[in-house]
């Protein structure tokens, strides 16, 4: 079967592209990336500054608050454990009954 009038163009393995639209697309992608990075930098700077101002306005700094909560948790755990050990029911032990086969 010979290649006749049905396929007059030679078969190529790559599509034919024009460089103009590719260059314009690349430039627009670059511009879009630069604009997105600028927006991210502006928004990020604002969030960091707002967070710093908020921390300065707090009565107790976050590090001190974390230490306070940790001490409270340790005290509560120790108190709960001692109450559990000293409770009257804590002295109760499970005792097995001996099975008697004669009813």
PDB file of N, CA and C in Angstrom:
ATOM      1  N   UNK A   1       0.837  -1.169   0.000  1.00  0.00           N
ATOM      2  CA  UNK A   1       0.000   0.000   0.000  1.00  0.00           C
ATOM      3  C   UNK A   1       0.882   1.232   0.000  1.00  0.00           C
ATOM      4  N   UNK A   2       0.858   1.913  -1.068  1.00  0.00           N
ATOM      5  CA  UNK A   2       1.678   3.108  -1.223  1.00  0.00           C
ATOM      6  C   UNK A   2       0.914   4.322  -0.738  1.00  0.00           C
ATOM      7  N   UNK A   3       1.671   5.310  -0.278  1.00  0.00           N
ATOM      8  CA  UNK A   3       1.098   6.553   0.196  1.00  0.00           C
ATOM      9  C   UNK A   3       0.742   7.382  -1.018  1.00  0.00           C
ATOM     10  N   UNK A   4      -0.565   7.542  -1.307  1.00  0.00           N
ATOM     11  CA  UNK A   4      -0.995   8.243  -2.519  1.00  0.00           C
ATOM     12  C   UNK A   4      -1.560   9.610  -2.170  1.00  0.00           C
ATOM     13  N   UNK A   5      -2.622  10.023  -2.837  1.00  0.00           N
ATOM     14  CA  UNK A   5      -3.179  11.368  -2.705  1.00  0.00           C
ATOM     15  C   UNK A   5      -3.796  11.646  -1.333  1.00  0.00           C
ATOM     16  N   UNK A   6      -4.097  10.634  -0.538  1.00  0.00           N
ATOM     17  CA  UNK A   6      -4.778  10.847   0.740  1.00  0.00           C
ATOM     18  C   UNK A   6      -3.906  11.648   1.714  1.00  0.00           C
ATOM     19  N   UNK A   7      -2.621  11.435   1.669  1.00  0.00           N
ATOM     20  CA  UNK A   7      -1.714  12.115   2.588  1.00  0.00           C
ATOM     21  C   UNK A   7      -0.603  12.748   1.775  1.00  0.00           C
ATOM     22  N   UNK A   8      -0.826  13.974   1.344  1.00  0.00           N
ATOM     23  CA  UNK A   8       0.169  14.610   0.489  1.00  0.00           C
ATOM     24  C   UNK A   8       1.288  15.248   1.308  1.00  0.00           C
ATOM     25  N   UNK A   9       1.061  15.514   2.637  1.00  0.00           N
ATOM     26  CA  UNK A   9       2.097  16.118   3.470  1.00  0.00           C
ATOM     27  C   UNK A   9       2.919  15.016   4.133  1.00  0.00           C
ATOM     28  N   UNK A  10       4.206  15.243   4.290  1.00  0.00           N
ATOM     29  CA  UNK A  10       5.015  14.229   4.971  1.00  0.00           C
ATOM     30  C   UNK A  10       4.665  14.180   6.461  1.00  0.00           C
ATOM     31  N   UNK A  11       4.695  12.994   7.051  1.00  0.00           N
ATOM     32  CA  UNK A  11       4.367  12.827   8.470  1.00  0.00           C
ATOM     33  C   UNK A  11       5.524  13.365   9.307  1.00  0.00           C
ATOM     34  N   UNK A  12       5.217  14.242  10.254  1.00  0.00           N
ATOM     35  CA  UNK A  12       6.258  14.771  11.137  1.00  0.00           C
ATOM     36  C   UNK A  12       5.930  14.357  12.568  1.00  0.00           C
ATOM     37  N   UNK A  13       6.972  14.211  13.394  1.00  0.00           N
ATOM     38  CA  UNK A  13       6.752  13.745  14.752  1.00  0.00           C
ATOM     39  C   UNK A  13       6.444  14.887  15.713  1.00  0.00           C
ATOM     40  N   UNK A  14       6.648  16.140  15.340  1.00  0.00           N
ATOM     41  CA  UNK A  14       6.396  17.282  16.207  1.00  0.00           C
ATOM     42  C   UNK A  14       5.398  18.230  15.561  1.00  0.00           C
ATOM     43  N   UNK A  15       4.523  18.849  16.386  1.00  0.00           N
ATOM     44  CA  UNK A  15       3.584  19.813  15.803  1.00  0.00           C
ATOM     45  C   UNK A  15       4.325  21.090  15.387  1.00  0.00           C
ATOM     46  N   UNK A  16       3.781  21.733  14.407  1.00  0.00           N
ATOM     47  CA  UNK A  16       4.390  22.976  13.956  1.00  0.00           C
ATOM     48  C   UNK A  16       3.853  24.126  14.798  1.00  0.00           C
ATOM     49  N   UNK A  17       4.747  24.851  15.440  1.00  0.00           N
ATOM     50  CA  UNK A  17       4.340  25.977  16.284  1.00  0.00           C
ATOM     51  C   UNK A  17       5.037  27.237  15.795  1.00  0.00           C
ATOM     52  N   UNK A  18       4.390  28.351  16.057  1.00  0.00           N
ATOM     53  CA  UNK A  18       4.995  29.633  15.705  1.00  0.00           C
ATOM     54  C   UNK A  18       5.605  30.215  16.979  1.00  0.00           C
ATOM     55  N   UNK A  19       6.728  30.876  16.824  1.00  0.00           N
ATOM     56  CA  UNK A  19       7.435  31.379  18.008  1.00  0.00           C
ATOM     57  C   UNK A  19       6.770  32.618  18.593  1.00  0.00           C
ATOM     58  N   UNK A  20       6.082  33.406  17.807  1.00  0.00           N
ATOM     59  CA  UNK A  20       5.469  34.651  18.284  1.00  0.00           C
ATOM     60  C   UNK A  20       4.507  34.437  19.457  1.00  0.00           C
ATOM     61  N   UNK A  21       3.472  33.608  19.292  1.00  0.00           N
ATOM     62  CA  UNK A  21       2.538  33.390  20.409  1.00  0.00           C
ATOM     63  C   UNK A  21       3.214  32.762  21.636  1.00  0.00           C
ATOM     64  N   UNK A  22       4.226  31.932  21.422  1.00  0.00           N
ATOM     65  CA  UNK A  22       4.927  31.345  22.561  1.00  0.00           C
ATOM     66  C   UNK A  22       5.693  32.407  23.341  1.00  0.00           C
ATOM     67  N   UNK A  23       6.324  33.315  22.635  1.00  0.00           N
ATOM     68  CA  UNK A  23       7.072  34.389  23.310  1.00  0.00           C
ATOM     69  C   UNK A  23       6.110  35.302  24.076  1.00  0.00           C
ATOM     70  N   UNK A  24       5.004  35.675  23.451  1.00  0.00           N
ATOM     71  CA  UNK A  24       4.021  36.541  24.118  1.00  0.00           C
ATOM     72  C   UNK A  24       3.448  35.838  25.350  1.00  0.00           C
ATOM     73  N   UNK A  25       3.123  34.564  25.221  1.00  0.00           N
ATOM     74  CA  UNK A  25       2.605  33.804  26.364  1.00  0.00           C
ATOM     75  C   UNK A  25       3.611  33.729  27.503  1.00  0.00           C
ATOM     76  N   UNK A  26       4.880  33.497  27.171  1.00  0.00           N
ATOM     77  CA  UNK A  26       5.917  33.440  28.202  1.00  0.00           C
ATOM     78  C   UNK A  26       6.094  34.763  28.917  1.00  0.00           C
ATOM     79  N   UNK A  27       6.048  35.856  28.141  1.00  0.00           N
ATOM     80  CA  UNK A  27       6.183  37.186  28.747  1.00  0.00           C
ATOM     81  C   UNK A  27       5.009  37.461  29.676  1.00  0.00           C
ATOM     82  N   UNK A  28       3.793  37.124  29.257  1.00  0.00           N
ATOM     83  CA  UNK A  28       2.612  37.349  30.103  1.00  0.00           C
ATOM     84  C   UNK A  28       2.659  36.495  31.372  1.00  0.00           C
ATOM     85  N   UNK A  29       3.137  35.262  31.263  1.00  0.00           N
ATOM     86  CA  UNK A  29       3.288  34.407  32.446  1.00  0.00           C
ATOM     87  C   UNK A  29       4.295  35.032  33.409  1.00  0.00           C
ATOM     88  N   UNK A  30       5.395  35.537  32.884  1.00  0.00           N
ATOM     89  CA  UNK A  30       6.398  36.187  33.727  1.00  0.00           C
ATOM     90  C   UNK A  30       5.850  37.419  34.426  1.00  0.00           C
ATOM     91  N   UNK A  31       5.097  38.241  33.686  1.00  0.00           N
ATOM     92  CA  UNK A  31       4.499  39.442  34.284  1.00  0.00           C
ATOM     93  C   UNK A  31       3.493  39.045  35.364  1.00  0.00           C
ATOM     94  N   UNK A  32       2.683  38.047  35.083  1.00  0.00           N
ATOM     95  CA  UNK A  32       1.702  37.580  36.067  1.00  0.00           C
ATOM     96  C   UNK A  32       2.366  37.054  37.330  1.00  0.00           C
ATOM     97  N   UNK A  33       3.459  36.334  37.158  1.00  0.00           N
ATOM     98  CA  UNK A  33       4.196  35.813  38.312  1.00  0.00           C
ATOM     99  C   UNK A  33       4.770  36.953  39.147  1.00  0.00           C
ATOM    100  N   UNK A  34       5.322  37.960  38.490  1.00  0.00           N
ATOM    101  CA  UNK A  34       5.884  39.103  39.210  1.00  0.00           C
ATOM    102  C   UNK A  34       4.801  39.853  39.976  1.00  0.00           C
ATOM    103  N   UNK A  35       3.633  40.042  39.375  1.00  0.00           N
ATOM    104  CA  UNK A  35       2.527  40.727  40.049  1.00  0.00           C
ATOM    105  C   UNK A  35       2.046  39.903  41.242  1.00  0.00           C
ATOM    106  N   UNK A  36       1.942  38.580  41.075  1.00  0.00           N
ATOM    107  CA  UNK A  36       1.499  37.718  42.176  1.00  0.00           C
ATOM    108  C   UNK A  36       2.499  37.754  43.331  1.00  0.00           C
ATOM    109  N   UNK A  37       3.789  37.724  43.043  1.00  0.00           N
ATOM    110  CA  UNK A  37       4.802  37.787  44.101  1.00  0.00           C
ATOM    111  C   UNK A  37       4.771  39.129  44.820  1.00  0.00           C
ATOM    112  N   UNK A  38       4.545  40.214  44.076  1.00  0.00           N
ATOM    113  CA  UNK A  38       4.445  41.534  44.710  1.00  0.00           C
ATOM    114  C   UNK A  38       3.234  41.584  45.637  1.00  0.00           C
ATOM    115  N   UNK A  39       2.114  41.056  45.200  1.00  0.00           N
ATOM    116  CA  UNK A  39       0.915  41.022  46.043  1.00  0.00           C
ATOM    117  C   UNK A  39       1.131  40.175  47.284  1.00  0.00           C
ATOM    118  N   UNK A  40       1.806  39.036  47.140  1.00  0.00           N
ATOM    119  CA  UNK A  40       2.101  38.172  48.276  1.00  0.00           C
ATOM    120  C   UNK A  40       3.009  38.879  49.274  1.00  0.00           C
ATOM    121  N   UNK A  41       4.001  39.606  48.774  1.00  0.00           N
ATOM    122  CA  UNK A  41       4.914  40.333  49.659  1.00  0.00           C
ATOM    123  C   UNK A  41       4.179  41.433  50.422  1.00  0.00           C
ATOM    124  N   UNK A  42       3.330  42.171  49.754  1.00  0.00           N
ATOM    125  CA  UNK A  42       2.589  43.255  50.407  1.00  0.00           C
ATOM    126  C   UNK A  42       1.637  42.688  51.466  1.00  0.00           C
ATOM    127  N   UNK A  43       0.876  41.664  51.099  1.00  0.00           N
ATOM    128  CA  UNK A  43      -0.080  41.076  52.045  1.00  0.00           C
ATOM    129  C   UNK A  43       0.652  40.418  53.220  1.00  0.00           C
ATOM    130  N   UNK A  44       1.743  39.720  52.944  1.00  0.00           N
ATOM    131  CA  UNK A  44       2.505  39.067  54.006  1.00  0.00           C
ATOM    132  C   UNK A  44       3.087  40.054  54.991  1.00  0.00           C
ATOM    133  N   UNK A  45       3.621  41.158  54.476  1.00  0.00           N
ATOM    134  CA  UNK A  45       4.175  42.194  55.339  1.00  0.00           C
ATOM    135  C   UNK A  45       3.088  42.785  56.233  1.00  0.00           C
ATOM    136  N   UNK A  46       1.926  43.016  55.669  1.00  0.00           N
ATOM    137  CA  UNK A  46       0.818  43.566  56.459  1.00  0.00           C
ATOM    138  C   UNK A  46       0.400  42.594  57.564  1.00  0.00           C
ATOM    139  N   UNK A  47       0.280  41.318  57.256  1.00  0.00           N
ATOM    140  CA  UNK A  47      -0.129  40.322  58.261  1.00  0.00           C
ATOM    141  C   UNK A  47       0.912  40.243  59.383  1.00  0.00           C
ATOM    142  N   UNK A  48       2.197  40.246  59.030  1.00  0.00           N
ATOM    143  CA  UNK A  48       3.256  40.187  60.049  1.00  0.00           C
ATOM    144  C   UNK A  48       3.204  41.419  60.942  1.00  0.00           C
ATOM    145  N   UNK A  49       3.065  42.602  60.356  1.00  0.00           N
ATOM    146  CA  UNK A  49       3.004  43.837  61.151  1.00  0.00           C
ATOM    147  C   UNK A  49       1.766  43.869  62.048  1.00  0.00           C
ATOM    148  N   UNK A  50       0.629  43.422  61.531  1.00  0.00           N
ATOM    149  CA  UNK A  50      -0.597  43.400  62.332  1.00  0.00           C
ATOM    150  C   UNK A  50      -0.466  42.418  63.485  1.00  0.00           C
ATOM    151  N   UNK A  51       0.170  41.271  63.246  1.00  0.00           N
ATOM    152  CA  UNK A  51       0.364  40.284  64.304  1.00  0.00           C
ATOM    153  C   UNK A  51       1.296  40.823  65.378  1.00  0.00           C
ATOM    154  N   UNK A  52       2.356  41.480  64.981  1.00  0.00           N
ATOM    155  CA  UNK A  52       3.285  42.073  65.962  1.00  0.00           C
ATOM    156  C   UNK A  52       2.582  43.125  66.817  1.00  0.00           C
ATOM    157  N   UNK A  53       1.763  43.963  66.195  1.00  0.00           N
ATOM    158  CA  UNK A  53       1.029  44.992  66.941  1.00  0.00           C
ATOM    159  C   UNK A  53       0.050  44.342  67.913  1.00  0.00           C
ATOM    160  N   UNK A  54      -0.611  43.287  67.495  1.00  0.00           N
ATOM    161  CA  UNK A  54      -1.566  42.580  68.348  1.00  0.00           C
ATOM    162  C   UNK A  54      -0.857  41.964  69.556  1.00  0.00           C
ATOM    163  N   UNK A  55       0.320  41.380  69.329  1.00  0.00           N
ATOM    164  CA  UNK A  55       1.078  40.773  70.431  1.00  0.00           C
ATOM    165  C   UNK A  55       1.527  41.845  71.415  1.00  0.00           C
ATOM    166  N   UNK A  56       1.938  43.013  70.912  1.00  0.00           N
ATOM    167  CA  UNK A  56       2.360  44.101  71.787  1.00  0.00           C
ATOM    168  C   UNK A  56       1.214  44.588  72.668  1.00  0.00           C
ATOM    169  N   UNK A  57      -0.029  44.501  72.175  1.00  0.00           N
ATOM    170  CA  UNK A  57      -1.190  44.981  72.921  1.00  0.00           C
ATOM    171  C   UNK A  57      -1.670  43.985  73.978  1.00  0.00           C
ATOM    172  N   UNK A  58      -1.223  42.748  73.916  1.00  0.00           N
ATOM    173  CA  UNK A  58      -1.666  41.752  74.879  1.00  0.00           C
ATOM    174  C   UNK A  58      -1.126  42.079  76.270  1.00  0.00           C
ATOM    175  N   UNK A  59      -1.924  41.761  77.299  1.00  0.00           N
ATOM    176  CA  UNK A  59      -1.483  41.997  78.669  1.00  0.00           C
ATOM    177  C   UNK A  59      -0.361  41.037  79.047  1.00  0.00           C
ATOM    178  N   UNK A  60      -0.494  39.801  78.613  1.00  0.00           N
ATOM    179  CA  UNK A  60       0.517  38.775  78.911  1.00  0.00           C
ATOM    180  C   UNK A  60       1.092  38.301  77.575  1.00  0.00           C
ATOM    181  N   UNK A  61       2.413  38.338  77.426  1.00  0.00           N
ATOM    182  CA  UNK A  61       3.012  37.848  76.173  1.00  0.00           C
ATOM    183  C   UNK A  61       2.697  36.358  75.976  1.00  0.00           C
ATOM    184  N   UNK A  62       2.616  35.897  74.731  1.00  0.00           N
ATOM    185  CA  UNK A  62       2.290  34.500  74.466  1.00  0.00           C
ATOM    186  C   UNK A  62       3.238  33.514  75.148  1.00  0.00           C
ATOM    187  N   UNK A  63       4.525  33.841  75.245  1.00  0.00           N
ATOM    188  CA  UNK A  63       5.459  32.907  75.882  1.00  0.00           C
ATOM    189  C   UNK A  63       5.143  32.761  77.369  1.00  0.00           C
ATOM    190  N   UNK A  64       4.804  33.884  78.032  1.00  0.00           N
ATOM    191  CA  UNK A  64       4.441  33.830  79.452  1.00  0.00           C
ATOM    192  C   UNK A  64       3.120  33.089  79.648  1.00  0.00           C
ATOM    193  N   UNK A  65       2.175  33.304  78.732  1.00  0.00           N
ATOM    194  CA  UNK A  65       0.893  32.616  78.819  1.00  0.00           C
ATOM    195  C   UNK A  65       1.077  31.112  78.664  1.00  0.00           C
ATOM    196  N   UNK A  66       1.976  30.715  77.766  1.00  0.00           N
ATOM    197  CA  UNK A  66       2.243  29.289  77.578  1.00  0.00           C
ATOM    198  C   UNK A  66       2.856  28.689  78.841  1.00  0.00           C
ATOM    199  N   UNK A  67       3.792  29.395  79.475  1.00  0.00           N
ATOM    200  CA  UNK A  67       4.389  28.903  80.726  1.00  0.00           C
ATOM    201  C   UNK A  67       3.333  28.771  81.815  1.00  0.00           C
ATOM    202  N   UNK A  68       2.458  29.771  81.932  1.00  0.00           N
ATOM    203  CA  UNK A  68       1.399  29.752  82.936  1.00  0.00           C
ATOM    204  C   UNK A  68       0.470  28.557  82.719  1.00  0.00           C
ATOM    205  N   UNK A  69       0.054  28.342  81.481  1.00  0.00           N
ATOM    206  CA  UNK A  69      -0.850  27.218  81.181  1.00  0.00           C
ATOM    207  C   UNK A  69      -0.160  25.882  81.448  1.00  0.00           C
ATOM    208  N   UNK A  70       1.129  25.785  81.161  1.00  0.00           N
ATOM    209  CA  UNK A  70       1.869  24.544  81.418  1.00  0.00           C
ATOM    210  C   UNK A  70       1.918  24.256  82.916  1.00  0.00           C
ATOM    211  N   UNK A  71       2.181  25.278  83.722  1.00  0.00           N
ATOM    212  CA  UNK A  71       2.206  25.102  85.181  1.00  0.00           C
ATOM    213  C   UNK A  71       0.821  24.703  85.695  1.00  0.00           C
ATOM    214  N   UNK A  72      -0.222  25.318  85.153  1.00  0.00           N
ATOM    215  CA  UNK A  72      -1.581  24.960  85.560  1.00  0.00           C
ATOM    216  C   UNK A  72      -1.878  23.504  85.214  1.00  0.00           C
ATOM    217  N   UNK A  73      -1.459  23.067  84.031  1.00  0.00           N
ATOM    218  CA  UNK A  73      -1.721  21.681  83.615  1.00  0.00           C
ATOM    219  C   UNK A  73      -0.970  20.695  84.508  1.00  0.00           C
ATOM    220  N   UNK A  74       0.286  21.009  84.836  1.00  0.00           N
ATOM    221  CA  UNK A  74       1.056  20.115  85.722  1.00  0.00           C
ATOM    222  C   UNK A  74       0.412  20.029  87.100  1.00  0.00           C
ATOM    223  N   UNK A  75      -0.010  21.168  87.647  1.00  0.00           N
ATOM    224  CA  UNK A  75      -0.650  21.189  88.965  1.00  0.00           C
ATOM    225  C   UNK A  75      -1.958  20.405  88.943  1.00  0.00           C
ATOM    226  N   UNK A  76      -2.745  20.593  87.908  1.00  0.00           N
ATOM    227  CA  UNK A  76      -4.017  19.875  87.806  1.00  0.00           C
ATOM    228  C   UNK A  76      -3.783  18.371  87.691  1.00  0.00           C
ATOM    229  N   UNK A  77      -2.789  17.967  86.923  1.00  0.00           N
ATOM    230  CA  UNK A  77      -2.495  16.536  86.771  1.00  0.00           C
ATOM    231  C   UNK A  77      -2.040  15.936  88.094  1.00  0.00           C
ATOM    232  N   UNK A  78      -1.167  16.630  88.821  1.00  0.00           N
ATOM    233  CA  UNK A  78      -0.695  16.127  90.108  1.00  0.00           C
ATOM    234  C   UNK A  78      -1.847  16.053  91.112  1.00  0.00           C
ATOM    235  N   UNK A  79      -2.693  17.068  91.125  1.00  0.00           N
ATOM    236  CA  UNK A  79      -3.828  17.087  92.039  1.00  0.00           C
ATOM    237  C   UNK A  79      -4.798  15.949  91.725  1.00  0.00           C
ATOM    238  N   UNK A  80      -5.070  15.754  90.458  1.00  0.00           N
ATOM    239  CA  UNK A  80      -5.970  14.676  90.060  1.00  0.00           C
ATOM    240  C   UNK A  80      -5.414  13.310  90.413  1.00  0.00           C
ATOM    241  N   UNK A  81      -4.113  13.126  90.234  1.00  0.00           N
ATOM    242  CA  UNK A  81      -3.489  11.838  90.538  1.00  0.00           C
ATOM    243  C   UNK A  81      -3.529  11.559  92.038  1.00  0.00           C
ATOM    244  N   UNK A  82      -3.239  12.581  92.859  1.00  0.00           N
ATOM    245  CA  UNK A  82      -3.253  12.354  94.308  1.00  0.00           C
ATOM    246  C   UNK A  82      -4.675  12.089  94.794  1.00  0.00           C
ATOM    247  N   UNK A  83      -5.648  12.790  94.242  1.00  0.00           N
ATOM    248  CA  UNK A  83      -7.040  12.548  94.617  1.00  0.00           C
ATOM    249  C   UNK A  83      -7.453  11.133  94.244  1.00  0.00           C
ATOM    250  N   UNK A  84      -7.025  10.689  93.084  1.00  0.00           N
ATOM    251  CA  UNK A  84      -7.349   9.336  92.621  1.00  0.00           C
ATOM    252  C   UNK A  84      -6.738   8.297  93.567  1.00  0.00           C
ATOM    253  N   UNK A  85      -5.483   8.503  93.974  1.00  0.00           N
ATOM    254  CA  UNK A  85      -4.806   7.537  94.855  1.00  0.00           C
ATOM    255  C   UNK A  85      -5.391   7.537  96.262  1.00  0.00           C
ATOM    256  N   UNK A  86      -5.827   8.712  96.757  1.00  0.00           N
ATOM    257  CA  UNK A  86      -6.290   8.822  98.132  1.00  0.00           C
ATOM    258  C   UNK A  86      -7.785   8.613  98.297  1.00  0.00           C
ATOM    259  N   UNK A  87      -8.504   8.398  97.216  1.00  0.00           N
ATOM    260  CA  UNK A  87      -9.946   8.187  97.286  1.00  0.00           C
ATOM    261  C   UNK A  87     -10.230   6.877  98.012  1.00  0.00           C
ATOM    262  N   UNK A  88     -11.282   6.831  98.852  1.00  0.00           N
ATOM    263  CA  UNK A  88     -11.572   5.595  99.601  1.00  0.00           C
ATOM    264  C   UNK A  88     -11.783   4.379  98.698  1.00  0.00           C
ATOM    265  N   UNK A  89     -12.343   4.571  97.555  1.00  0.00           N
ATOM    266  CA  UNK A  89     -12.567   3.432  96.657  1.00  0.00           C
ATOM    267  C   UNK A  89     -11.276   2.932  96.017  1.00  0.00           C
ATOM    268  N   UNK A  90     -10.208   3.719  96.104  1.00  0.00           N
ATOM    269  CA  UNK A  90      -8.937   3.285  95.523  1.00  0.00           C
ATOM    270  C   UNK A  90      -8.343   2.133  96.321  1.00  0.00           C
ATOM    271  N   UNK A  91      -8.761   1.977  97.576  1.00  0.00           N
ATOM    272  CA  UNK A  91      -8.237   0.900  98.423  1.00  0.00           C
ATOM    273  C   UNK A  91      -8.926  -0.430  98.123  1.00  0.00           C
ATOM    274  N   UNK A  92     -10.042  -0.380  97.447  1.00  0.00           N
ATOM    275  CA  UNK A  92     -10.780  -1.614  97.162  1.00  0.00           C
ATOM    276  C   UNK A  92      -9.995  -2.474  96.186  1.00  0.00           C
ATOM    277  N   UNK A  93     -10.004  -3.753  96.417  1.00  0.00           N
ATOM    278  CA  UNK A  93      -9.311  -4.700  95.542  1.00  0.00           C
ATOM    279  C   UNK A  93     -10.323  -5.684  95.005  1.00  0.00           C
ATOM    280  N   UNK A  94     -10.055  -6.147  93.830  1.00  0.00           N
ATOM    281  CA  UNK A  94     -10.904  -7.187  93.264  1.00  0.00           C
ATOM    282  C   UNK A  94     -10.504  -8.524  93.873  1.00  0.00           C
ATOM    283  N   UNK A  95     -11.465  -9.258  94.328  1.00  0.00           N
ATOM    284  CA  UNK A  95     -11.212 -10.564  94.930  1.00  0.00           C
ATOM    285  C   UNK A  95     -12.004 -11.589  94.145  1.00  0.00           C
ATOM    286  N   UNK A  96     -11.347 -12.666  93.803  1.00  0.00           N
ATOM    287  CA  UNK A  96     -12.045 -13.725  93.079  1.00  0.00           C
ATOM    288  C   UNK A  96     -12.776 -14.624  94.065  1.00  0.00           C
ATOM    289  N   UNK A  97     -13.954 -14.959  93.690  1.00  0.00           N
ATOM    290  CA  UNK A  97     -14.692 -15.919  94.490  1.00  0.00           C
ATOM    291  C   UNK A  97     -14.315 -17.312  94.034  1.00  0.00           C
ATOM    292  N   UNK A  98     -14.217 -18.160  94.978  1.00  0.00           N
ATOM    293  CA  UNK A  98     -13.930 -19.550  94.616  1.00  0.00           C
ATOM    294  C   UNK A  98     -15.214 -20.196  94.189  1.00  0.00           C
ATOM    295  N   UNK A  99     -15.137 -20.890  93.089  1.00  0.00           N
ATOM    296  CA  UNK A  99     -16.329 -21.561  92.577  1.00  0.00           C
ATOM    297  C   UNK A  99     -16.536 -22.859  93.328  1.00  0.00           C
ATOM    298  N   UNK A 100     -17.702 -23.027  93.819  1.00  0.00           N
ATOM    299  CA  UNK A 100     -18.058 -24.305  94.446  1.00  0.00           C
ATOM    300  C   UNK A 100     -18.983 -25.027  93.484  1.00  0.00           C
ATOM    301  N   UNK A 101     -18.661 -26.289  93.266  1.00  0.00           N
ATOM    302  CA  UNK A 101     -19.442 -27.048  92.283  1.00  0.00           C
ATOM    303  C   UNK A 101     -20.696 -27.622  92.904  1.00  0.00           C
ATOM    304  N   UNK A 102     -20.772 -27.683  94.190  1.00  0.00           N
ATOM    305  CA  UNK A 102     -21.968 -28.218  94.814  1.00  0.00           C
ATOM    306  C   UNK A 102     -22.917 -27.119  95.206  1.00  0.00           C
ATOM    307  N   UNK A 103     -24.060 -27.095  94.562  1.00  0.00           N
ATOM    308  CA  UNK A 103     -25.035 -26.034  94.852  1.00  0.00           C
ATOM    309  C   UNK A 103     -25.842 -26.388  96.032  1.00  0.00           C
TER     310      UNK A 103
END
